[in-house]
Every structure is written in C-alpha cells, then in structure tokens.
Amino acid sequence: MAKSSDSQREIVVGVDDIFFAAKIDGAASAAGVRIVRIKTARDLIAHVEENGARLIIIDINSASLDPIRTIRYLKSKPELKAIPIIGFLSHVQVDLMNTAQEAGCDHVMPRSAFSRRLPELLSKPFAQ
C-alpha cells in the first residue's frame, strides 16, 4: 500500500444518499479536509489498498457498497485494520448496528449523531 502524506489527510467516503454526501462535502470544505467519494465496494477497497486513508466513512445502508462485507474485508487486512471506520444508519436499526460493530466498524452512530458530530469528526485526527 502506497501511503503519502496526502493520503494520511484524506478521508474516504462511501455514501449513496445525496443529502449526506452534500453535508459531508460542505463540512469537509469548511474543515479544509480532502475527501474522496467512492460509489462501489470494489472501488473503495481498491482505493484504500492503494492509497490508504486517515478515515473511512460509510453509509451502513448503502446498496452499492455492501458495507458489512466491505468492513469485514478491510479489517481482515493487517495493513488496513488500523484505519478507523465510521458508519452511520437509522437510529432504529439496532440489529444492523450490532452487525456492523461485529464486522469491525470502529464507530457506528445514528444519522442524527453523525450529522451533529460531522465537523468534529472531520476537523481533527480521529481517535479510536
């Protein structure tokens, strides 16, 4: 995996929802953070394997990202498992939240908490 200083500041975002993509874009711009939005599991995995990342944000409800399988794969790779992953979903999806945590997602939060904490999550190094 090639890691440059740019990739260490880069946040990889896998989000289908246009509303949340725009919200993340705006918060990233305000924080001066470079994000890379990715639309498929295959592209997300390939990008992170090649470039690394400071943080991965993934919509646990994404149809195109196969989030649980993608998280399991990333956390199974010794060279990638230290990259923190934040997932978000509806607050009523407790079973899916537990499944995402079991898959290795470092932090899973309801959409409302994710929205509220987004500037904080993007503006400073993420601590697990």
C-alpha atoms as a PDB file:
ATOM      1  CA  MET A   1       0.000   0.000   0.000  1.00  0.00           C
ATOM      2  CA  ALA A   2       1.380   3.360  -1.040  1.00  0.00           C
ATOM      3  CA  LYS A   3       0.864   5.920   1.683  1.00  0.00           C
ATOM      4  CA  SER A   4       1.663   9.535   1.027  1.00  0.00           C
ATOM      5  CA  SER A   5       1.216  12.420   3.414  1.00  0.00           C
ATOM      6  CA  ASP A   6      -1.820  13.403   1.308  1.00  0.00           C
ATOM      7  CA  SER A   7      -3.468  10.023   1.851  1.00  0.00           C
ATOM      8  CA  GLN A   8      -2.946  10.362   5.581  1.00  0.00           C
ATOM      9  CA  ARG A   9      -5.121  13.503   5.490  1.00  0.00           C
ATOM     10  CA  GLU A  10      -7.599  12.008   3.027  1.00  0.00           C
ATOM     11  CA  ILE A  11     -10.977  10.766   4.142  1.00  0.00           C
ATOM     12  CA  VAL A  12     -12.642   8.107   2.032  1.00  0.00           C
ATOM     13  CA  VAL A  13     -16.421   8.434   1.902  1.00  0.00           C
ATOM     14  CA  GLY A  14     -18.834   5.748   0.743  1.00  0.00           C
ATOM     15  CA  VAL A  15     -22.286   7.297   0.784  1.00  0.00           C
ATOM     16  CA  ASP A  16     -25.236   6.776  -1.592  1.00  0.00           C
ATOM     17  CA  ASP A  17     -27.524   9.365  -0.037  1.00  0.00           C
ATOM     18  CA  ILE A  18     -27.156  12.662  -1.924  1.00  0.00           C
ATOM     19  CA  PHE A  19     -28.221  14.672   1.145  1.00  0.00           C
ATOM     20  CA  PHE A  20     -25.471  13.176   3.299  1.00  0.00           C
ATOM     21  CA  ALA A  21     -22.909  13.412   0.500  1.00  0.00           C
ATOM     22  CA  ALA A  22     -23.601  17.153   0.218  1.00  0.00           C
ATOM     23  CA  LYS A  23     -23.466  17.543   4.009  1.00  0.00           C
ATOM     24  CA  ILE A  24     -20.083  15.768   4.129  1.00  0.00           C
ATOM     25  CA  ASP A  25     -18.754  17.809   1.187  1.00  0.00           C
ATOM     26  CA  GLY A  26     -19.721  21.057   2.914  1.00  0.00           C
ATOM     27  CA  ALA A  27     -18.223  20.084   6.262  1.00  0.00           C
ATOM     28  CA  ALA A  28     -15.027  18.840   4.600  1.00  0.00           C
ATOM     29  CA  SER A  29     -14.656  22.068   2.655  1.00  0.00           C
ATOM     30  CA  ALA A  30     -15.121  24.122   5.842  1.00  0.00           C
ATOM     31  CA  ALA A  31     -12.542  21.978   7.654  1.00  0.00           C
ATOM     32  CA  GLY A  32     -10.045  22.060   4.774  1.00  0.00           C
ATOM     33  CA  VAL A  33     -10.136  18.273   4.537  1.00  0.00           C
ATOM     34  CA  ARG A  34      -9.713  16.350   1.311  1.00  0.00           C
ATOM     35  CA  ILE A  35     -12.347  13.702   0.747  1.00  0.00           C
ATOM     36  CA  VAL A  36     -12.648  11.063  -1.915  1.00  0.00           C
ATOM     37  CA  ARG A  37     -16.182   9.888  -2.581  1.00  0.00           C
ATOM     38  CA  ILE A  38     -16.454   6.330  -3.809  1.00  0.00           C
ATOM     39  CA  LYS A  39     -19.566   4.587  -5.107  1.00  0.00           C
ATOM     40  CA  THR A  40     -18.848   0.846  -5.046  1.00  0.00           C
ATOM     41  CA  ALA A  41     -17.324  -1.638  -2.617  1.00  0.00           C
ATOM     42  CA  ARG A  42     -14.784  -2.728  -5.200  1.00  0.00           C
ATOM     43  CA  ASP A  43     -13.608   0.849  -5.834  1.00  0.00           C
ATOM     44  CA  LEU A  44     -13.498   1.667  -2.116  1.00  0.00           C
ATOM     45  CA  ILE A  45     -11.371  -1.373  -1.334  1.00  0.00           C
ATOM     46  CA  ALA A  46      -9.052  -0.767  -4.290  1.00  0.00           C
ATOM     47  CA  HIS A  47      -8.593   2.900  -3.377  1.00  0.00           C
ATOM     48  CA  VAL A  48      -7.824   2.214   0.269  1.00  0.00           C
ATOM     49  CA  GLU A  49      -5.462  -0.659  -0.569  1.00  0.00           C
ATOM     50  CA  GLU A  50      -3.566   1.575  -2.982  1.00  0.00           C
ATOM     51  CA  ASN A  51      -3.634   4.887  -1.145  1.00  0.00           C
ATOM     52  CA  GLY A  52      -4.518   4.354   2.498  1.00  0.00           C
ATOM     53  CA  ALA A  53      -6.717   6.869   4.298  1.00  0.00           C
ATOM     54  CA  ARG A  54      -6.959   8.781   7.545  1.00  0.00           C
ATOM     55  CA  LEU A  55     -10.581   7.765   7.996  1.00  0.00           C
ATOM     56  CA  ILE A  56     -13.318   5.871   6.165  1.00  0.00           C
ATOM     57  CA  ILE A  57     -16.934   6.998   6.441  1.00  0.00           C
ATOM     58  CA  ILE A  58     -19.519   4.537   5.202  1.00  0.00           C
ATOM     59  CA  ASP A  59     -23.294   4.539   4.993  1.00  0.00           C
ATOM     60  CA  ILE A  60     -24.258   1.206   6.545  1.00  0.00           C
ATOM     61  CA  ASN A  61     -27.468   1.260   4.455  1.00  0.00           C
ATOM     62  CA  SER A  62     -25.658   1.637   1.137  1.00  0.00           C
ATOM     63  CA  ALA A  63     -26.848  -0.766  -1.547  1.00  0.00           C
ATOM     64  CA  SER A  64     -23.775  -0.331  -3.733  1.00  0.00           C
ATOM     65  CA  LEU A  65     -21.087  -0.586  -1.060  1.00  0.00           C
ATOM     66  CA  ASP A  66     -22.029  -3.869   0.611  1.00  0.00           C
ATOM     67  CA  PRO A  67     -20.945  -2.209   3.866  1.00  0.00           C
ATOM     68  CA  ILE A  68     -20.763  -5.197   6.204  1.00  0.00           C
ATOM     69  CA  ARG A  69     -18.702  -7.287   3.794  1.00  0.00           C
ATOM     70  CA  THR A  70     -16.516  -4.293   2.905  1.00  0.00           C
ATOM     71  CA  ILE A  71     -15.827  -3.524   6.580  1.00  0.00           C
ATOM     72  CA  ARG A  72     -15.007  -7.176   7.298  1.00  0.00           C
ATOM     73  CA  TYR A  73     -12.596  -7.267   4.390  1.00  0.00           C
ATOM     74  CA  LEU A  74     -10.806  -4.033   5.342  1.00  0.00           C
ATOM     75  CA  LYS A  75     -10.474  -5.077   8.983  1.00  0.00           C
ATOM     76  CA  SER A  76      -9.134  -8.504   7.970  1.00  0.00           C
ATOM     77  CA  LYS A  77      -6.084  -6.942   6.300  1.00  0.00           C
ATOM     78  CA  PRO A  78      -3.262  -6.214   8.764  1.00  0.00           C
ATOM     79  CA  GLU A  79      -2.092  -3.217   6.733  1.00  0.00           C
ATOM     80  CA  LEU A  80      -5.590  -1.675   6.692  1.00  0.00           C
ATOM     81  CA  LYS A  81      -7.151  -2.618  10.013  1.00  0.00           C
ATOM     82  CA  ALA A  82      -5.783   0.450  11.829  1.00  0.00           C
ATOM     83  CA  ILE A  83      -7.719   2.821   9.551  1.00  0.00           C
ATOM     84  CA  PRO A  84     -10.750   3.915  11.568  1.00  0.00           C
ATOM     85  CA  ILE A  85     -14.170   3.337  10.029  1.00  0.00           C
ATOM     86  CA  ILE A  86     -17.238   5.336  10.994  1.00  0.00           C
ATOM     87  CA  GLY A  87     -20.594   4.002   9.891  1.00  0.00           C
ATOM     88  CA  PHE A  88     -23.964   5.660  10.141  1.00  0.00           C
ATOM     89  CA  LEU A  89     -27.541   4.399   9.859  1.00  0.00           C
ATOM     90  CA  SER A  90     -31.066   4.959  11.101  1.00  0.00           C
ATOM     91  CA  HIS A  91     -31.361   5.024  14.898  1.00  0.00           C
ATOM     92  CA  VAL A  92     -33.950   2.223  14.809  1.00  0.00           C
ATOM     93  CA  GLN A  93     -31.624  -0.276  13.125  1.00  0.00           C
ATOM     94  CA  VAL A  94     -30.147  -1.738  16.304  1.00  0.00           C
ATOM     95  CA  ASP A  95     -29.527  -5.208  14.823  1.00  0.00           C
ATOM     96  CA  LEU A  96     -27.702  -3.720  11.832  1.00  0.00           C
ATOM     97  CA  MET A  97     -25.695  -1.510  14.187  1.00  0.00           C
ATOM     98  CA  ASN A  98     -24.596  -4.580  16.137  1.00  0.00           C
ATOM     99  CA  THR A  99     -23.735  -6.427  12.918  1.00  0.00           C
ATOM    100  CA  ALA A 100     -21.589  -3.505  11.728  1.00  0.00           C
ATOM    101  CA  GLN A 101     -19.749  -3.398  15.059  1.00  0.00           C
ATOM    102  CA  GLU A 102     -19.166  -7.146  14.931  1.00  0.00           C
ATOM    103  CA  ALA A 103     -17.801  -6.742  11.388  1.00  0.00           C
ATOM    104  CA  GLY A 104     -15.205  -4.326  12.759  1.00  0.00           C
ATOM    105  CA  CYS A 105     -16.716  -0.881  12.233  1.00  0.00           C
ATOM    106  CA  ASP A 106     -14.966   1.245  14.845  1.00  0.00           C
ATOM    107  CA  HIS A 107     -17.901   3.565  15.467  1.00  0.00           C
ATOM    108  CA  VAL A 108     -21.485   3.160  14.329  1.00  0.00           C
ATOM    109  CA  MET A 109     -23.825   6.016  15.016  1.00  0.00           C
ATOM    110  CA  PRO A 110     -27.318   7.140  14.170  1.00  0.00           C
ATOM    111  CA  ARG A 111     -27.612   9.575  11.279  1.00  0.00           C
ATOM    112  CA  SER A 112     -28.570  12.397  13.644  1.00  0.00           C
ATOM    113  CA  ALA A 113     -25.455  11.940  15.804  1.00  0.00           C
ATOM    114  CA  PHE A 114     -23.281  11.616  12.709  1.00  0.00           C
ATOM    115  CA  SER A 115     -24.686  14.873  11.308  1.00  0.00           C
ATOM    116  CA  ARG A 116     -24.190  16.670  14.615  1.00  0.00           C
ATOM    117  CA  ARG A 117     -20.609  15.410  15.072  1.00  0.00           C
ATOM    118  CA  LEU A 118     -19.501  15.687  11.443  1.00  0.00           C
ATOM    119  CA  PRO A 119     -17.493  18.937  11.769  1.00  0.00           C
ATOM    120  CA  GLU A 120     -15.679  17.496  14.796  1.00  0.00           C
ATOM    121  CA  LEU A 121     -15.007  14.172  13.054  1.00  0.00           C
ATOM    122  CA  LEU A 122     -13.519  15.870  10.018  1.00  0.00           C
ATOM    123  CA  SER A 123     -11.548  18.633  11.715  1.00  0.00           C
ATOM    124  CA  LYS A 124      -9.185  16.672  13.916  1.00  0.00           C
ATOM    125  CA  PRO A 125      -7.447  13.327  13.880  1.00  0.00           C
ATOM    126  CA  PHE A 126      -9.887  10.589  14.693  1.00  0.00           C
ATOM    127  CA  ALA A 127      -9.165   8.775  17.926  1.00  0.00           C
ATOM    128  CA  GLN A 128     -10.441   5.235  18.266  1.00  0.00           C
END
